[in-house]
Amino acid sequence: MDATELKAMQAPLKQAYRDDASQA
């Protein structure tokens, strides 16, 4: 897995984490 794939995966994860935190 290269850096481009990692960034592509991390962006939605960070967004989902933010959405989760705002719901809590």
PDB file of N, CA and C in Angstrom:
ATOM      1  N   MET A   1       0.862  -1.209   0.000  1.00  0.00           N
ATOM      2  CA  MET A   1       0.000   0.000   0.000  1.00  0.00           C
ATOM      3  C   MET A   1       0.886   1.243   0.000  1.00  0.00           C
ATOM      4  N   ASP A   2       0.608   2.161  -0.941  1.00  0.00           N
ATOM      5  CA  ASP A   2       1.471   3.340  -1.011  1.00  0.00           C
ATOM      6  C   ASP A   2       0.833   4.547  -0.318  1.00  0.00           C
ATOM      7  N   ALA A   3       1.545   5.654  -0.305  1.00  0.00           N
ATOM      8  CA  ALA A   3       1.083   6.845   0.427  1.00  0.00           C
ATOM      9  C   ALA A   3      -0.225   7.377  -0.139  1.00  0.00           C
ATOM     10  N   THR A   4      -0.378   7.283  -1.457  1.00  0.00           N
ATOM     11  CA  THR A   4      -1.605   7.806  -2.069  1.00  0.00           C
ATOM     12  C   THR A   4      -2.819   7.031  -1.562  1.00  0.00           C
ATOM     13  N   GLU A   5      -2.676   5.715  -1.482  1.00  0.00           N
ATOM     14  CA  GLU A   5      -3.786   4.892  -0.984  1.00  0.00           C
ATOM     15  C   GLU A   5      -4.061   5.201   0.490  1.00  0.00           C
ATOM     16  N   LEU A   6      -3.006   5.384   1.249  1.00  0.00           N
ATOM     17  CA  LEU A   6      -3.188   5.694   2.665  1.00  0.00           C
ATOM     18  C   LEU A   6      -3.963   6.993   2.838  1.00  0.00           C
ATOM     19  N   LYS A   7      -3.574   8.018   2.093  1.00  0.00           N
ATOM     20  CA  LYS A   7      -4.275   9.303   2.210  1.00  0.00           C
ATOM     21  C   LYS A   7      -5.728   9.151   1.812  1.00  0.00           C
ATOM     22  N   ALA A   8      -5.977   8.383   0.753  1.00  0.00           N
ATOM     23  CA  ALA A   8      -7.344   8.193   0.286  1.00  0.00           C
ATOM     24  C   ALA A   8      -8.184   7.491   1.351  1.00  0.00           C
ATOM     25  N   MET A   9      -7.571   6.617   2.117  1.00  0.00           N
ATOM     26  CA  MET A   9      -8.297   5.901   3.180  1.00  0.00           C
ATOM     27  C   MET A   9      -8.465   6.779   4.413  1.00  0.00           C
ATOM     28  N   GLN A  10      -7.438   7.552   4.733  1.00  0.00           N
ATOM     29  CA  GLN A  10      -7.453   8.338   5.969  1.00  0.00           C
ATOM     30  C   GLN A  10      -8.453   9.483   5.916  1.00  0.00           C
ATOM     31  N   ALA A  11      -8.615  10.108   4.738  1.00  0.00           N
ATOM     32  CA  ALA A  11      -9.521  11.255   4.647  1.00  0.00           C
ATOM     33  C   ALA A  11     -10.941  10.887   5.081  1.00  0.00           C
ATOM     34  N   PRO A  12     -11.573   9.841   4.487  1.00  0.00           N
ATOM     35  CA  PRO A  12     -12.916   9.468   4.922  1.00  0.00           C
ATOM     36  C   PRO A  12     -12.957   9.004   6.376  1.00  0.00           C
ATOM     37  N   LEU A  13     -11.890   8.381   6.843  1.00  0.00           N
ATOM     38  CA  LEU A  13     -11.874   7.928   8.240  1.00  0.00           C
ATOM     39  C   LEU A  13     -11.928   9.131   9.177  1.00  0.00           C
ATOM     40  N   LYS A  14     -11.127  10.158   8.871  1.00  0.00           N
ATOM     41  CA  LYS A  14     -11.130  11.350   9.722  1.00  0.00           C
ATOM     42  C   LYS A  14     -12.504  12.010   9.701  1.00  0.00           C
ATOM     43  N   GLN A  15     -13.123  12.048   8.521  1.00  0.00           N
ATOM     44  CA  GLN A  15     -14.449  12.663   8.402  1.00  0.00           C
ATOM     45  C   GLN A  15     -15.458  11.855   9.224  1.00  0.00           C
ATOM     46  N   ALA A  16     -15.404  10.547   9.128  1.00  0.00           N
ATOM     47  CA  ALA A  16     -16.339   9.703   9.864  1.00  0.00           C
ATOM     48  C   ALA A  16     -16.130   9.873  11.369  1.00  0.00           C
ATOM     49  N   TYR A  17     -14.873   9.999  11.791  1.00  0.00           N
ATOM     50  CA  TYR A  17     -14.572  10.176  13.214  1.00  0.00           C
ATOM     51  C   TYR A  17     -15.148  11.503  13.706  1.00  0.00           C
ATOM     52  N   ARG A  18     -15.040  12.527  12.863  1.00  0.00           N
ATOM     53  CA  ARG A  18     -15.568  13.834  13.229  1.00  0.00           C
ATOM     54  C   ARG A  18     -17.083  13.767  13.349  1.00  0.00           C
ATOM     55  N   ASP A  19     -17.720  13.127  12.386  1.00  0.00           N
ATOM     56  CA  ASP A  19     -19.176  13.003  12.443  1.00  0.00           C
ATOM     57  C   ASP A  19     -19.594  12.245  13.702  1.00  0.00           C
ATOM     58  N   ASP A  20     -18.848  11.202  14.028  1.00  0.00           N
ATOM     59  CA  ASP A  20     -19.131  10.405  15.213  1.00  0.00           C
ATOM     60  C   ASP A  20     -19.040  11.264  16.469  1.00  0.00           C
ATOM     61  N   ALA A  21     -17.980  12.055  16.556  1.00  0.00           N
ATOM     62  CA  ALA A  21     -17.752  12.870  17.751  1.00  0.00           C
ATOM     63  C   ALA A  21     -18.851  13.917  17.912  1.00  0.00           C
ATOM     64  N   SER A  22     -19.317  14.474  16.803  1.00  0.00           N
ATOM     65  CA  SER A  22     -20.338  15.513  16.893  1.00  0.00           C
ATOM     66  C   SER A  22     -21.680  14.922  17.309  1.00  0.00           C
ATOM     67  N   GLN A  23     -21.881  13.645  17.033  1.00  0.00           N
ATOM     68  CA  GLN A  23     -23.135  12.992  17.409  1.00  0.00           C
ATOM     69  C   GLN A  23     -23.142  12.606  18.885  1.00  0.00           C
ATOM     70  N   ALA A  24     -21.981  12.335  19.426  1.00  0.00           N
ATOM     71  CA  ALA A  24     -21.886  11.841  20.800  1.00  0.00           C
ATOM     72  C   ALA A  24     -22.410  12.884  21.799  1.00  0.00           C
TER      73      ALA A  24
END
